[in-house]
Amino acid sequence: MTRRHTPQRPYLQDILPHLQRVRKQRDGSYMASCPLPTHGKGRGDIHPSLQLWENPDGTLAGAKCYAGCDGRELWRKLLELGGVRPATATRRKWWTATGSAQRRWWK
């Protein structure tokens, strides 16, 4: 079994300049406008609804859009803004992983 590539976490300070209407909260987290183009039925985020948390080492700990945007799409967009490439590993089919099954199919 191969290990899946897990990308490094982006630094929050690399993401914040790419977001709009950023403000720091009392608890240390940040609120910003959601960067997804599908937010607000395609009209964008007028009132900041994206909350971002930071780890002690400065990396992005988590993000939540309170308007209900898809978490996977949001994470992909934040990785893109932070300059981190998402994982590119794909699942291997069982018949390519074992030579005996491959020989059976072709012979």
N, C-alpha and C. Protein backbone atom coordinates (compact mmCIF):
# COMPACT_ATOMS: atom_id res chain seq x y z
N MET A 1 0.85 -1.17 0.00
CA MET A 1 0.00 0.00 0.00
C MET A 1 0.90 1.24 0.00
N THR A 2 0.59 2.18 -0.86
CA THR A 2 1.38 3.40 -0.93
C THR A 2 0.82 4.44 0.01
N ARG A 3 1.70 5.27 0.50
CA ARG A 3 1.28 6.35 1.37
C ARG A 3 0.79 7.52 0.55
N ARG A 4 -0.26 8.13 0.98
CA ARG A 4 -0.78 9.29 0.26
C ARG A 4 0.05 10.51 0.62
N HIS A 5 0.27 11.36 -0.36
CA HIS A 5 1.02 12.59 -0.12
C HIS A 5 0.11 13.58 0.59
N THR A 6 0.56 14.07 1.72
CA THR A 6 -0.19 15.10 2.43
C THR A 6 0.56 16.41 2.29
N PRO A 7 -0.08 17.43 1.76
CA PRO A 7 0.61 18.69 1.55
C PRO A 7 0.90 19.39 2.87
N GLN A 8 1.89 20.27 2.86
CA GLN A 8 2.17 21.04 4.06
C GLN A 8 1.06 22.04 4.28
N ARG A 9 0.89 22.46 5.51
CA ARG A 9 -0.14 23.45 5.81
C ARG A 9 0.38 24.84 5.47
N PRO A 10 -0.47 25.67 4.89
CA PRO A 10 -0.02 27.02 4.54
C PRO A 10 0.05 27.90 5.79
N TYR A 11 0.88 28.91 5.73
CA TYR A 11 0.95 29.87 6.82
C TYR A 11 -0.18 30.87 6.67
N LEU A 12 -0.79 31.20 7.79
CA LEU A 12 -1.92 32.12 7.77
C LEU A 12 -1.51 33.49 7.22
N GLN A 13 -0.30 33.92 7.53
CA GLN A 13 0.16 35.23 7.05
C GLN A 13 0.35 35.25 5.53
N ASP A 14 0.45 34.08 4.89
CA ASP A 14 0.53 34.02 3.43
C ASP A 14 -0.85 34.11 2.79
N ILE A 15 -1.88 33.75 3.54
CA ILE A 15 -3.25 33.74 3.02
C ILE A 15 -3.95 35.08 3.21
N LEU A 16 -3.74 35.71 4.35
CA LEU A 16 -4.48 36.93 4.70
C LEU A 16 -4.38 38.05 3.67
N PRO A 17 -3.23 38.31 3.04
CA PRO A 17 -3.20 39.40 2.04
C PRO A 17 -4.09 39.15 0.83
N HIS A 18 -4.46 37.90 0.57
CA HIS A 18 -5.30 37.57 -0.59
C HIS A 18 -6.79 37.65 -0.28
N LEU A 19 -7.14 37.87 0.97
CA LEU A 19 -8.55 37.94 1.38
C LEU A 19 -8.98 39.39 1.54
N GLN A 20 -10.29 39.61 1.48
CA GLN A 20 -10.83 40.96 1.62
C GLN A 20 -11.54 41.08 2.97
N ARG A 21 -11.60 42.31 3.46
CA ARG A 21 -12.30 42.66 4.71
C ARG A 21 -11.80 41.82 5.89
N VAL A 22 -10.49 41.73 6.05
CA VAL A 22 -9.89 40.94 7.13
C VAL A 22 -9.87 41.76 8.40
N ARG A 23 -10.29 41.15 9.51
CA ARG A 23 -10.17 41.80 10.81
C ARG A 23 -9.88 40.74 11.86
N LYS A 24 -9.08 41.13 12.83
CA LYS A 24 -8.67 40.22 13.89
C LYS A 24 -9.71 40.24 15.01
N GLN A 25 -10.03 39.06 15.52
CA GLN A 25 -10.99 38.92 16.61
C GLN A 25 -10.27 38.98 17.95
N ARG A 26 -11.04 39.10 19.02
CA ARG A 26 -10.46 39.15 20.37
C ARG A 26 -9.77 37.85 20.76
N ASP A 27 -10.26 36.73 20.25
CA ASP A 27 -9.69 35.43 20.62
C ASP A 27 -8.45 35.08 19.80
N GLY A 28 -8.01 35.95 18.89
CA GLY A 28 -6.82 35.71 18.09
C GLY A 28 -7.12 35.17 16.71
N SER A 29 -8.36 34.77 16.45
CA SER A 29 -8.73 34.29 15.12
C SER A 29 -9.00 35.49 14.21
N TYR A 30 -9.24 35.22 12.94
CA TYR A 30 -9.50 36.27 11.96
C TYR A 30 -10.83 36.02 11.29
N MET A 31 -11.53 37.10 10.95
CA MET A 31 -12.74 37.04 10.14
C MET A 31 -12.42 37.74 8.81
N ALA A 32 -12.90 37.13 7.73
CA ALA A 32 -12.65 37.69 6.40
C ALA A 32 -13.80 37.31 5.48
N SER A 33 -13.83 37.93 4.32
CA SER A 33 -14.83 37.57 3.32
C SER A 33 -14.43 36.25 2.68
N CYS A 34 -15.39 35.40 2.42
CA CYS A 34 -15.14 34.09 1.84
C CYS A 34 -14.64 34.25 0.40
N PRO A 35 -13.54 33.56 0.03
CA PRO A 35 -12.98 33.73 -1.31
C PRO A 35 -13.64 32.90 -2.40
N LEU A 36 -14.61 32.05 -2.04
CA LEU A 36 -15.24 31.19 -3.05
C LEU A 36 -16.16 32.00 -3.95
N PRO A 37 -16.10 31.77 -5.25
CA PRO A 37 -16.98 32.52 -6.17
C PRO A 37 -18.44 32.10 -6.06
N THR A 38 -18.72 30.94 -5.49
CA THR A 38 -20.10 30.48 -5.35
C THR A 38 -20.75 30.99 -4.08
N HIS A 39 -20.03 31.74 -3.27
CA HIS A 39 -20.58 32.24 -2.01
C HIS A 39 -21.69 33.25 -2.29
N GLY A 40 -22.76 33.18 -1.53
CA GLY A 40 -23.85 34.14 -1.67
C GLY A 40 -24.55 34.07 -3.00
N LYS A 41 -24.80 32.87 -3.48
CA LYS A 41 -25.47 32.65 -4.76
C LYS A 41 -24.74 33.35 -5.90
N GLY A 42 -23.42 33.34 -5.82
CA GLY A 42 -22.61 33.92 -6.88
C GLY A 42 -22.38 35.41 -6.77
N ARG A 43 -22.92 36.04 -5.72
CA ARG A 43 -22.76 37.49 -5.56
C ARG A 43 -21.56 37.86 -4.71
N GLY A 44 -20.91 36.88 -4.08
CA GLY A 44 -19.76 37.17 -3.24
C GLY A 44 -20.16 37.40 -1.80
N ASP A 45 -19.16 37.64 -0.96
CA ASP A 45 -19.37 37.79 0.48
C ASP A 45 -19.25 39.26 0.85
N ILE A 46 -20.37 39.90 1.16
CA ILE A 46 -20.38 41.31 1.53
C ILE A 46 -20.00 41.48 2.99
N HIS A 47 -20.58 40.66 3.86
CA HIS A 47 -20.28 40.70 5.28
C HIS A 47 -19.37 39.51 5.61
N PRO A 48 -18.21 39.75 6.22
CA PRO A 48 -17.26 38.66 6.49
C PRO A 48 -17.91 37.49 7.24
N SER A 49 -17.78 36.30 6.66
CA SER A 49 -18.37 35.11 7.28
C SER A 49 -17.38 33.97 7.37
N LEU A 50 -16.12 34.20 7.01
CA LEU A 50 -15.09 33.17 7.05
C LEU A 50 -14.22 33.40 8.28
N GLN A 51 -14.14 32.39 9.14
CA GLN A 51 -13.28 32.49 10.32
C GLN A 51 -12.08 31.58 10.13
N LEU A 52 -10.89 32.11 10.45
CA LEU A 52 -9.63 31.38 10.28
C LEU A 52 -8.92 31.30 11.62
N TRP A 53 -8.40 30.10 11.95
CA TRP A 53 -7.66 29.89 13.19
C TRP A 53 -6.22 29.57 12.86
N GLU A 54 -5.33 29.95 13.79
CA GLU A 54 -3.90 29.79 13.58
C GLU A 54 -3.30 28.87 14.64
N ASN A 55 -2.39 27.99 14.22
CA ASN A 55 -1.63 27.15 15.15
C ASN A 55 -0.55 28.00 15.80
N PRO A 56 0.03 27.52 16.92
CA PRO A 56 1.12 28.28 17.55
C PRO A 56 2.33 28.49 16.64
N ASP A 57 2.54 27.60 15.67
CA ASP A 57 3.68 27.77 14.75
C ASP A 57 3.36 28.68 13.56
N GLY A 58 2.15 29.23 13.50
CA GLY A 58 1.77 30.17 12.45
C GLY A 58 1.05 29.56 11.27
N THR A 59 0.90 28.23 11.25
CA THR A 59 0.20 27.59 10.13
C THR A 59 -1.31 27.67 10.35
N LEU A 60 -2.04 27.47 9.28
CA LEU A 60 -3.49 27.51 9.33
C LEU A 60 -4.02 26.29 10.07
N ALA A 61 -4.74 26.50 11.16
CA ALA A 61 -5.28 25.40 11.94
C ALA A 61 -6.65 24.97 11.44
N GLY A 62 -7.47 25.92 11.01
CA GLY A 62 -8.80 25.58 10.54
C GLY A 62 -9.50 26.79 9.96
N ALA A 63 -10.56 26.52 9.23
CA ALA A 63 -11.35 27.58 8.61
C ALA A 63 -12.80 27.13 8.53
N LYS A 64 -13.71 28.08 8.73
CA LYS A 64 -15.13 27.77 8.64
C LYS A 64 -15.85 28.96 8.05
N CYS A 65 -16.67 28.68 7.04
CA CYS A 65 -17.52 29.70 6.46
C CYS A 65 -18.90 29.53 7.08
N TYR A 66 -19.35 30.54 7.79
CA TYR A 66 -20.63 30.46 8.50
C TYR A 66 -21.83 30.61 7.57
N ALA A 67 -21.58 30.85 6.29
CA ALA A 67 -22.68 30.91 5.32
C ALA A 67 -22.98 29.54 4.73
N GLY A 68 -22.17 28.53 5.08
CA GLY A 68 -22.45 27.17 4.64
C GLY A 68 -21.73 26.74 3.38
N CYS A 69 -20.64 27.38 3.03
CA CYS A 69 -19.87 26.95 1.85
C CYS A 69 -19.25 25.58 2.12
N ASP A 70 -19.01 24.84 1.05
CA ASP A 70 -18.43 23.50 1.16
C ASP A 70 -17.02 23.59 1.73
N GLY A 71 -16.75 22.79 2.76
CA GLY A 71 -15.47 22.83 3.43
C GLY A 71 -14.31 22.40 2.55
N ARG A 72 -14.53 21.40 1.69
CA ARG A 72 -13.46 20.92 0.81
C ARG A 72 -13.08 21.97 -0.22
N GLU A 73 -14.08 22.61 -0.80
CA GLU A 73 -13.79 23.67 -1.78
C GLU A 73 -13.07 24.83 -1.11
N LEU A 74 -13.50 25.16 0.09
CA LEU A 74 -12.88 26.25 0.83
C LEU A 74 -11.42 25.93 1.15
N TRP A 75 -11.16 24.71 1.60
CA TRP A 75 -9.79 24.32 1.94
C TRP A 75 -8.90 24.34 0.70
N ARG A 76 -9.42 23.85 -0.44
CA ARG A 76 -8.65 23.88 -1.69
C ARG A 76 -8.29 25.32 -2.08
N LYS A 77 -9.26 26.21 -1.96
CA LYS A 77 -9.02 27.61 -2.31
C LYS A 77 -8.00 28.25 -1.38
N LEU A 78 -8.06 27.94 -0.08
CA LEU A 78 -7.10 28.50 0.87
C LEU A 78 -5.70 27.95 0.62
N LEU A 79 -5.60 26.67 0.26
CA LEU A 79 -4.30 26.11 -0.10
C LEU A 79 -3.73 26.80 -1.33
N GLU A 80 -4.60 27.06 -2.29
CA GLU A 80 -4.17 27.75 -3.51
C GLU A 80 -3.69 29.16 -3.19
N LEU A 81 -4.42 29.87 -2.33
CA LEU A 81 -4.03 31.23 -1.96
C LEU A 81 -2.73 31.24 -1.16
N GLY A 82 -2.52 30.20 -0.37
CA GLY A 82 -1.31 30.11 0.44
C GLY A 82 -0.10 29.62 -0.32
N GLY A 83 -0.28 29.23 -1.57
CA GLY A 83 0.83 28.78 -2.39
C GLY A 83 1.21 27.33 -2.19
N VAL A 84 0.31 26.53 -1.62
CA VAL A 84 0.58 25.11 -1.41
C VAL A 84 -0.21 24.31 -2.43
N ARG A 85 0.48 23.40 -3.12
CA ARG A 85 -0.21 22.55 -4.08
C ARG A 85 -0.96 21.45 -3.35
N PRO A 86 -2.20 21.17 -3.73
CA PRO A 86 -2.95 20.08 -3.08
C PRO A 86 -2.36 18.72 -3.43
N ALA A 87 -2.73 17.72 -2.67
CA ALA A 87 -2.24 16.36 -2.90
C ALA A 87 -2.65 15.89 -4.28
N THR A 88 -1.73 15.19 -4.95
CA THR A 88 -2.01 14.72 -6.31
C THR A 88 -2.07 13.21 -6.38
N ALA A 89 -1.95 12.54 -5.24
CA ALA A 89 -1.96 11.08 -5.23
C ALA A 89 -3.34 10.57 -5.64
N THR A 90 -3.34 9.53 -6.45
CA THR A 90 -4.59 8.91 -6.86
C THR A 90 -4.62 7.48 -6.37
N ARG A 91 -5.79 6.94 -6.23
CA ARG A 91 -5.92 5.55 -5.79
C ARG A 91 -5.53 4.62 -6.93
N ARG A 92 -4.78 3.60 -6.59
CA ARG A 92 -4.40 2.61 -7.59
C ARG A 92 -5.44 1.52 -7.65
N LYS A 93 -5.70 1.05 -8.84
CA LYS A 93 -6.65 -0.04 -9.01
C LYS A 93 -6.01 -1.33 -8.53
N TRP A 94 -6.81 -2.21 -8.00
CA TRP A 94 -6.26 -3.43 -7.41
C TRP A 94 -5.59 -4.31 -8.44
N TRP A 95 -6.07 -4.27 -9.71
CA TRP A 95 -5.47 -5.15 -10.70
C TRP A 95 -4.13 -4.63 -11.22
N THR A 96 -3.85 -3.34 -11.04
CA THR A 96 -2.53 -2.86 -11.43
C THR A 96 -1.52 -3.06 -10.30
N ALA A 97 -2.02 -3.24 -9.10
CA ALA A 97 -1.12 -3.42 -7.96
C ALA A 97 -0.61 -4.85 -7.87
N THR A 98 -1.39 -5.81 -8.37
CA THR A 98 -0.97 -7.21 -8.31
C THR A 98 -0.73 -7.72 -9.71
N GLY A 99 0.42 -8.31 -9.93
CA GLY A 99 0.77 -8.80 -11.26
C GLY A 99 -0.05 -10.00 -11.68
N SER A 100 -0.46 -10.86 -10.73
CA SER A 100 -1.19 -12.08 -11.10
C SER A 100 -2.55 -11.74 -11.70
N ALA A 101 -3.22 -10.78 -11.13
CA ALA A 101 -4.53 -10.40 -11.66
C ALA A 101 -4.37 -9.77 -13.04
N GLN A 102 -3.30 -9.04 -13.23
CA GLN A 102 -3.08 -8.40 -14.53
C GLN A 102 -2.80 -9.45 -15.59
N ARG A 103 -2.03 -10.47 -15.24
CA ARG A 103 -1.75 -11.53 -16.22
C ARG A 103 -3.02 -12.29 -16.59
N ARG A 104 -3.90 -12.49 -15.60
CA ARG A 104 -5.15 -13.18 -15.90
C ARG A 104 -6.00 -12.42 -16.87
N TRP A 105 -6.03 -11.10 -16.75
CA TRP A 105 -6.89 -10.31 -17.62
C TRP A 105 -6.36 -10.26 -19.05
N TRP A 106 -5.05 -10.26 -19.21
CA TRP A 106 -4.49 -10.11 -20.54
C TRP A 106 -4.16 -11.41 -21.22
N LYS A 107 -4.14 -12.53 -20.53
CA LYS A 107 -3.82 -13.80 -21.18
C LYS A 107 -5.01 -14.68 -21.33
